[in-house]
PDB file of N, CA and C in Angstrom:
ATOM      1  N   MET A   1       0.882  -1.198   0.000  1.00  0.00           N
ATOM      2  CA  MET A   1      -0.066   0.205   0.033  1.00  0.00           C
ATOM      3  C   MET A   1       0.831   1.267  -0.088  1.00  0.00           C
ATOM      4  N   ILE A   2       0.319   2.126  -0.681  1.00  0.00           N
ATOM      5  CA  ILE A   2       1.127   3.507  -0.755  1.00  0.00           C
ATOM      6  C   ILE A   2       0.012   4.501  -0.258  1.00  0.00           C
ATOM      7  N   ASN A   3       0.225   5.342   0.852  1.00  0.00           N
ATOM      8  CA  ASN A   3      -0.667   6.232   1.301  1.00  0.00           C
ATOM      9  C   ASN A   3      -1.975   5.668   1.612  1.00  0.00           C
ATOM     10  N   ASN A   4      -1.975   4.549   2.166  1.00  0.00           N
ATOM     11  CA  ASN A   4      -3.211   3.725   2.587  1.00  0.00           C
ATOM     12  C   ASN A   4      -4.031   3.446   1.271  1.00  0.00           C
ATOM     13  N   LYS A   5      -3.568   3.368   0.122  1.00  0.00           N
ATOM     14  CA  LYS A   5      -4.112   2.864  -1.057  1.00  0.00           C
ATOM     15  C   LYS A   5      -3.541   1.569  -1.689  1.00  0.00           C
ATOM     16  N   LYS A   6      -4.384   0.778  -2.107  1.00  0.00           N
ATOM     17  CA  LYS A   6      -3.982  -0.404  -2.645  1.00  0.00           C
ATOM     18  C   LYS A   6      -3.468  -0.320  -3.983  1.00  0.00           C
ATOM     19  N   VAL A   7      -2.408  -0.991  -4.385  1.00  0.00           N
ATOM     20  CA  VAL A   7      -1.885  -0.819  -5.716  1.00  0.00           C
ATOM     21  C   VAL A   7      -1.900  -2.183  -6.506  1.00  0.00           C
ATOM     22  N   VAL A   8      -2.541  -2.172  -7.539  1.00  0.00           N
ATOM     23  CA  VAL A   8      -2.776  -3.367  -8.329  1.00  0.00           C
ATOM     24  C   VAL A   8      -2.239  -3.188  -9.783  1.00  0.00           C
ATOM     25  N   VAL A   9      -1.622  -4.178 -10.278  1.00  0.00           N
ATOM     26  CA  VAL A   9      -1.171  -4.144 -11.546  1.00  0.00           C
ATOM     27  C   VAL A   9      -1.963  -5.202 -12.376  1.00  0.00           C
ATOM     28  N   VAL A  10      -2.356  -4.582 -13.552  1.00  0.00           N
ATOM     29  CA  VAL A  10      -3.219  -5.331 -14.668  1.00  0.00           C
ATOM     30  C   VAL A  10      -2.203  -5.729 -15.682  1.00  0.00           C
ATOM     31  N   LEU A  11      -2.099  -7.080 -15.956  1.00  0.00           N
ATOM     32  CA  LEU A  11      -1.296  -7.455 -17.031  1.00  0.00           C
ATOM     33  C   LEU A  11      -2.214  -7.883 -18.214  1.00  0.00           C
ATOM     34  N   PRO A  12      -2.380  -7.192 -19.208  1.00  0.00           N
ATOM     35  CA  PRO A  12      -3.104  -7.715 -20.278  1.00  0.00           C
ATOM     36  C   PRO A  12      -2.253  -8.441 -21.224  1.00  0.00           C
ATOM     37  N   THR A  13      -2.677  -9.668 -21.577  1.00  0.00           N
ATOM     38  CA  THR A  13      -1.848 -10.702 -22.257  1.00  0.00           C
ATOM     39  C   THR A  13      -2.611 -11.364 -23.380  1.00  0.00           C
ATOM     40  N   TYR A  14      -1.734 -11.586 -24.498  1.00  0.00           N
ATOM     41  CA  TYR A  14      -2.094 -12.434 -25.662  1.00  0.00           C
ATOM     42  C   TYR A  14      -0.916 -13.181 -25.990  1.00  0.00           C
ATOM     43  N   ASN A  15      -0.904 -14.484 -25.943  1.00  0.00           N
ATOM     44  CA  ASN A  15       0.206 -15.485 -26.322  1.00  0.00           C
ATOM     45  C   ASN A  15       1.466 -14.976 -25.608  1.00  0.00           C
ATOM     46  N   ALA A  16       1.395 -14.830 -24.256  1.00  0.00           N
ATOM     47  CA  ALA A  16       2.385 -14.161 -23.477  1.00  0.00           C
ATOM     48  C   ALA A  16       3.272 -15.359 -22.779  1.00  0.00           C
ATOM     49  N   ALA A  17       2.980 -16.620 -23.207  1.00  0.00           N
ATOM     50  CA  ALA A  17       3.568 -17.510 -22.314  1.00  0.00           C
ATOM     51  C   ALA A  17       5.143 -17.495 -22.130  1.00  0.00           C
ATOM     52  N   LEU A  18       5.798 -16.985 -23.214  1.00  0.00           N
ATOM     53  CA  LEU A  18       7.214 -16.897 -23.292  1.00  0.00           C
ATOM     54  C   LEU A  18       7.852 -15.772 -22.526  1.00  0.00           C
ATOM     55  N   THR A  19       7.025 -14.804 -22.253  1.00  0.00           N
ATOM     56  CA  THR A  19       7.469 -13.494 -21.677  1.00  0.00           C
ATOM     57  C   THR A  19       6.847 -13.334 -20.258  1.00  0.00           C
ATOM     58  N   LEU A  20       5.740 -13.946 -19.888  1.00  0.00           N
ATOM     59  CA  LEU A  20       5.117 -13.657 -18.735  1.00  0.00           C
ATOM     60  C   LEU A  20       5.750 -13.819 -17.398  1.00  0.00           C
ATOM     61  N   GLN A  21       6.582 -14.994 -17.372  1.00  0.00           N
ATOM     62  CA  GLN A  21       7.312 -15.153 -16.151  1.00  0.00           C
ATOM     63  C   GLN A  21       8.308 -14.127 -15.878  1.00  0.00           C
ATOM     64  N   GLN A  22       9.123 -13.705 -17.031  1.00  0.00           N
ATOM     65  CA  GLN A  22      10.065 -12.337 -16.817  1.00  0.00           C
ATOM     66  C   GLN A  22       9.336 -11.168 -16.421  1.00  0.00           C
ATOM     67  N   THR A  23       8.217 -10.887 -17.129  1.00  0.00           N
ATOM     68  CA  THR A  23       7.413  -9.615 -16.667  1.00  0.00           C
ATOM     69  C   THR A  23       7.115  -9.687 -15.284  1.00  0.00           C
ATOM     70  N   TYR A  24       6.519 -10.711 -14.763  1.00  0.00           N
ATOM     71  CA  TYR A  24       5.912 -10.980 -13.525  1.00  0.00           C
ATOM     72  C   TYR A  24       7.075 -10.855 -12.490  1.00  0.00           C
ATOM     73  N   SER A  25       8.233 -11.277 -12.786  1.00  0.00           N
ATOM     74  CA  SER A  25       9.312 -11.314 -11.729  1.00  0.00           C
ATOM     75  C   SER A  25       9.876  -9.855 -11.613  1.00  0.00           C
ATOM     76  N   GLU A  26       9.506  -8.844 -12.616  1.00  0.00           N
ATOM     77  CA  GLU A  26       9.885  -7.565 -12.567  1.00  0.00           C
ATOM     78  C   GLU A  26       8.987  -6.753 -11.819  1.00  0.00           C
ATOM     79  N   ILE A  27       7.805  -7.154 -11.435  1.00  0.00           N
ATOM     80  CA  ILE A  27       7.056  -6.363 -10.659  1.00  0.00           C
ATOM     81  C   ILE A  27       7.456  -5.951  -9.244  1.00  0.00           C
ATOM     82  N   PRO A  28       7.523  -4.849  -8.759  1.00  0.00           N
ATOM     83  CA  PRO A  28       8.037  -4.453  -7.462  1.00  0.00           C
ATOM     84  C   PRO A  28       7.003  -4.870  -6.371  1.00  0.00           C
ATOM     85  N   PHE A  29       6.850  -6.030  -5.721  1.00  0.00           N
ATOM     86  CA  PHE A  29       5.920  -6.485  -4.930  1.00  0.00           C
ATOM     87  C   PHE A  29       6.054  -5.834  -3.543  1.00  0.00           C
ATOM     88  N   ASN A  30       7.190  -4.938  -3.439  1.00  0.00           N
ATOM     89  CA  ASN A  30       7.338  -4.204  -2.127  1.00  0.00           C
ATOM     90  C   ASN A  30       6.396  -3.087  -2.058  1.00  0.00           C
ATOM     91  N   ILE A  31       5.680  -2.772  -3.284  1.00  0.00           N
ATOM     92  CA  ILE A  31       4.853  -1.712  -3.476  1.00  0.00           C
ATOM     93  C   ILE A  31       3.524  -2.106  -4.007  1.00  0.00           C
ATOM     94  N   VAL A  32       3.522  -3.351  -4.709  1.00  0.00           N
ATOM     95  CA  VAL A  32       2.351  -3.900  -5.517  1.00  0.00           C
ATOM     96  C   VAL A  32       1.586  -4.868  -4.513  1.00  0.00           C
ATOM     97  N   ASP A  33       0.380  -4.717  -4.269  1.00  0.00           N
ATOM     98  CA  ASP A  33      -0.565  -5.452  -3.499  1.00  0.00           C
ATOM     99  C   ASP A  33      -1.048  -6.738  -4.294  1.00  0.00           C
ATOM    100  N   ASP A  34      -1.324  -6.551  -5.480  1.00  0.00           N
ATOM    101  CA  ASP A  34      -2.042  -7.654  -6.152  1.00  0.00           C
ATOM    102  C   ASP A  34      -1.891  -7.406  -7.693  1.00  0.00           C
ATOM    103  N   VAL A  35      -2.205  -8.581  -8.348  1.00  0.00           N
ATOM    104  CA  VAL A  35      -1.997  -8.658  -9.862  1.00  0.00           C
ATOM    105  C   VAL A  35      -3.134  -9.188 -10.534  1.00  0.00           C
ATOM    106  N   ILE A  36      -3.722  -8.714 -11.400  1.00  0.00           N
ATOM    107  CA  ILE A  36      -4.776  -9.201 -12.367  1.00  0.00           C
ATOM    108  C   ILE A  36      -4.183  -9.376 -13.765  1.00  0.00           C
ATOM    109  N   LEU A  37      -4.432 -10.733 -14.213  1.00  0.00           N
ATOM    110  CA  LEU A  37      -4.165 -11.059 -15.379  1.00  0.00           C
ATOM    111  C   LEU A  37      -5.261 -11.030 -16.413  1.00  0.00           C
ATOM    112  N   THR A  38      -5.202 -10.472 -17.525  1.00  0.00           N
ATOM    113  CA  THR A  38      -6.455 -10.527 -18.440  1.00  0.00           C
ATOM    114  C   THR A  38      -5.857 -11.203 -19.769  1.00  0.00           C
ATOM    115  N   ASP A  39      -6.547 -12.277 -20.205  1.00  0.00           N
ATOM    116  CA  ASP A  39      -5.975 -13.054 -21.243  1.00  0.00           C
ATOM    117  C   ASP A  39      -6.941 -12.931 -22.389  1.00  0.00           C
ATOM    118  N   ASP A  40      -6.511 -12.381 -23.513  1.00  0.00           N
ATOM    119  CA  ASP A  40      -7.043 -12.069 -24.635  1.00  0.00           C
ATOM    120  C   ASP A  40      -7.376 -13.184 -25.688  1.00  0.00           C
ATOM    121  N   TYR A  41      -7.829 -14.316 -25.182  1.00  0.00           N
ATOM    122  CA  TYR A  41      -8.005 -15.657 -25.947  1.00  0.00           C
ATOM    123  C   TYR A  41      -6.704 -16.132 -26.589  1.00  0.00           C
ATOM    124  N   SER A  42      -5.841 -16.259 -25.761  1.00  0.00           N
ATOM    125  CA  SER A  42      -4.406 -16.798 -25.984  1.00  0.00           C
ATOM    126  C   SER A  42      -4.612 -18.323 -26.582  1.00  0.00           C
ATOM    127  N   VAL A  43      -3.703 -18.713 -27.484  1.00  0.00           N
ATOM    128  CA  VAL A  43      -3.761 -20.079 -27.950  1.00  0.00           C
ATOM    129  C   VAL A  43      -2.586 -20.839 -27.542  1.00  0.00           C
ATOM    130  N   ASP A  44      -1.722 -20.098 -26.708  1.00  0.00           N
ATOM    131  CA  ASP A  44      -0.527 -20.801 -26.062  1.00  0.00           C
ATOM    132  C   ASP A  44      -0.891 -21.027 -24.671  1.00  0.00           C
ATOM    133  N   ASN A  45       0.188 -21.490 -23.834  1.00  0.00           N
ATOM    134  CA  ASN A  45      -0.111 -21.613 -22.488  1.00  0.00           C
ATOM    135  C   ASN A  45       0.091 -20.673 -21.636  1.00  0.00           C
ATOM    136  N   THR A  46      -0.305 -19.309 -21.913  1.00  0.00           N
ATOM    137  CA  THR A  46      -0.270 -18.114 -21.170  1.00  0.00           C
ATOM    138  C   THR A  46      -0.994 -18.413 -19.692  1.00  0.00           C
ATOM    139  N   LEU A  47      -2.264 -18.958 -19.866  1.00  0.00           N
ATOM    140  CA  LEU A  47      -3.083 -19.116 -18.619  1.00  0.00           C
ATOM    141  C   LEU A  47      -2.366 -20.172 -17.628  1.00  0.00           C
ATOM    142  N   GLU A  48      -1.628 -21.131 -18.106  1.00  0.00           N
ATOM    143  CA  GLU A  48      -1.093 -22.146 -17.314  1.00  0.00           C
ATOM    144  C   GLU A  48       0.133 -21.639 -16.481  1.00  0.00           C
ATOM    145  N   VAL A  49       0.834 -20.652 -17.341  1.00  0.00           N
ATOM    146  CA  VAL A  49       2.075 -20.004 -16.801  1.00  0.00           C
ATOM    147  C   VAL A  49       1.643 -18.955 -15.582  1.00  0.00           C
ATOM    148  N   GLY A  50       0.512 -18.065 -16.012  1.00  0.00           N
ATOM    149  CA  GLY A  50      -0.078 -17.280 -14.914  1.00  0.00           C
ATOM    150  C   GLY A  50      -0.492 -18.088 -13.739  1.00  0.00           C
ATOM    151  N   ARG A  51      -1.030 -19.188 -13.981  1.00  0.00           N
ATOM    152  CA  ARG A  51      -1.568 -19.903 -12.712  1.00  0.00           C
ATOM    153  C   ARG A  51      -0.280 -20.430 -11.925  1.00  0.00           C
ATOM    154  N   SER A  52       0.717 -20.932 -12.650  1.00  0.00           N
ATOM    155  CA  SER A  52       1.877 -21.435 -11.982  1.00  0.00           C
ATOM    156  C   SER A  52       2.729 -20.365 -11.250  1.00  0.00           C
ATOM    157  N   LEU A  53       2.498 -19.115 -11.535  1.00  0.00           N
ATOM    158  CA  LEU A  53       3.067 -18.044 -10.981  1.00  0.00           C
ATOM    159  C   LEU A  53       2.366 -17.620  -9.747  1.00  0.00           C
ATOM    160  N   GLY A  54       1.145 -18.240  -9.437  1.00  0.00           N
ATOM    161  CA  GLY A  54       0.300 -17.843  -8.334  1.00  0.00           C
ATOM    162  C   GLY A  54      -0.587 -16.689  -8.445  1.00  0.00           C
ATOM    163  N   ILE A  55      -0.814 -16.238  -9.697  1.00  0.00           N
ATOM    164  CA  ILE A  55      -1.559 -15.106 -10.071  1.00  0.00           C
ATOM    165  C   ILE A  55      -3.105 -15.673  -9.748  1.00  0.00           C
ATOM    166  N   LYS A  56      -3.793 -15.050  -8.812  1.00  0.00           N
ATOM    167  CA  LYS A  56      -5.033 -15.269  -8.327  1.00  0.00           C
ATOM    168  C   LYS A  56      -6.187 -14.857  -8.986  1.00  0.00           C
ATOM    169  N   HIS A  57      -5.923 -13.673  -9.650  1.00  0.00           N
ATOM    170  CA  HIS A  57      -7.178 -12.865 -10.404  1.00  0.00           C
ATOM    171  C   HIS A  57      -6.724 -13.067 -11.921  1.00  0.00           C
ATOM    172  N   ILE A  58      -7.552 -13.945 -12.584  1.00  0.00           N
ATOM    173  CA  ILE A  58      -7.336 -14.081 -14.000  1.00  0.00           C
ATOM    174  C   ILE A  58      -8.631 -13.984 -14.784  1.00  0.00           C
ATOM    175  N   ILE A  59      -8.666 -13.131 -15.749  1.00  0.00           N
ATOM    176  CA  ILE A  59      -9.900 -12.857 -16.408  1.00  0.00           C
ATOM    177  C   ILE A  59      -9.624 -13.425 -17.839  1.00  0.00           C
ATOM    178  N   ILE A  60     -10.548 -14.217 -18.145  1.00  0.00           N
ATOM    179  CA  ILE A  60     -10.242 -14.900 -19.506  1.00  0.00           C
ATOM    180  C   ILE A  60     -11.424 -14.613 -20.433  1.00  0.00           C
ATOM    181  N   TYR A  61     -11.095 -14.022 -21.673  1.00  0.00           N
ATOM    182  CA  TYR A  61     -12.056 -13.692 -22.736  1.00  0.00           C
ATOM    183  C   TYR A  61     -12.164 -14.922 -23.685  1.00  0.00           C
ATOM    184  N   ASN A  62     -13.540 -15.108 -23.910  1.00  0.00           N
ATOM    185  CA  ASN A  62     -13.915 -16.157 -24.880  1.00  0.00           C
ATOM    186  C   ASN A  62     -13.843 -15.835 -26.373  1.00  0.00           C
ATOM    187  N   LYS A  63     -13.328 -14.713 -26.713  1.00  0.00           N
ATOM    188  CA  LYS A  63     -12.982 -14.440 -28.008  1.00  0.00           C
ATOM    189  C   LYS A  63     -11.816 -13.321 -27.892  1.00  0.00           C
ATOM    190  N   ASN A  64     -11.048 -13.137 -29.020  1.00  0.00           N
ATOM    191  CA  ASN A  64     -10.106 -12.054 -28.972  1.00  0.00           C
ATOM    192  C   ASN A  64     -10.835 -10.776 -29.217  1.00  0.00           C
ATOM    193  N   ARG A  65     -10.408  -9.888 -28.319  1.00  0.00           N
ATOM    194  CA  ARG A  65     -10.989  -8.496 -28.156  1.00  0.00           C
ATOM    195  C   ARG A  65     -10.128  -7.645 -28.832  1.00  0.00           C
ATOM    196  N   GLY A  66      -8.886  -7.841 -29.020  1.00  0.00           N
ATOM    197  CA  GLY A  66      -7.772  -6.914 -29.459  1.00  0.00           C
ATOM    198  C   GLY A  66      -7.179  -6.022 -28.354  1.00  0.00           C
ATOM    199  N   TYR A  67      -6.126  -5.252 -28.564  1.00  0.00           N
ATOM    200  CA  TYR A  67      -5.481  -4.671 -27.571  1.00  0.00           C
ATOM    201  C   TYR A  67      -6.306  -3.692 -26.845  1.00  0.00           C
ATOM    202  N   ASP A  68      -7.117  -2.893 -27.561  1.00  0.00           N
ATOM    203  CA  ASP A  68      -8.083  -1.987 -26.870  1.00  0.00           C
ATOM    204  C   ASP A  68      -9.012  -2.553 -25.957  1.00  0.00           C
ATOM    205  N   GLY A  69      -9.694  -3.631 -26.511  1.00  0.00           N
ATOM    206  CA  GLY A  69     -10.842  -4.407 -25.795  1.00  0.00           C
ATOM    207  C   GLY A  69     -10.230  -5.090 -24.549  1.00  0.00           C
ATOM    208  N   ASN A  70      -8.878  -5.659 -24.654  1.00  0.00           N
ATOM    209  CA  ASN A  70      -8.175  -6.207 -23.405  1.00  0.00           C
ATOM    210  C   ASN A  70      -7.898  -5.168 -22.367  1.00  0.00           C
ATOM    211  N   GLN A  71      -7.791  -3.933 -22.841  1.00  0.00           N
ATOM    212  CA  GLN A  71      -7.425  -2.958 -21.815  1.00  0.00           C
ATOM    213  C   GLN A  71      -8.682  -2.444 -20.995  1.00  0.00           C
ATOM    214  N   LYS A  72      -9.749  -2.605 -21.583  1.00  0.00           N
ATOM    215  CA  LYS A  72     -11.116  -2.104 -21.090  1.00  0.00           C
ATOM    216  C   LYS A  72     -11.871  -3.119 -20.319  1.00  0.00           C
ATOM    217  N   ILE A  73     -11.250  -3.604 -19.249  1.00  0.00           N
ATOM    218  CA  ILE A  73     -12.018  -4.750 -18.478  1.00  0.00           C
ATOM    219  C   ILE A  73     -12.998  -4.107 -17.608  1.00  0.00           C
ATOM    220  N   MET A  74     -14.019  -4.953 -17.380  1.00  0.00           N
ATOM    221  CA  MET A  74     -15.102  -4.635 -16.451  1.00  0.00           C
ATOM    222  C   MET A  74     -14.842  -5.429 -15.230  1.00  0.00           C
ATOM    223  N   LEU A  75     -14.675  -4.953 -14.105  1.00  0.00           N
ATOM    224  CA  LEU A  75     -14.409  -5.729 -12.789  1.00  0.00           C
ATOM    225  C   LEU A  75     -15.750  -5.468 -11.982  1.00  0.00           C
TER     226      LEU A  75
END
């Protein structure tokens, strides 16, 4: 928390299995409280990698929404 505010990182992904672990490892968890992964209908094993990293909040789209659509999540 920073100034009593929760810090959440949103990782929009599409076929990111090869880069997700490196990206996740660079998150400064000393200030980040949580991570949300949004998967834009990947056809690789992005979801499995995200789960293996312990990401608890994963949003899976049932069709490819494109970069802008993946950025506009509704929680």
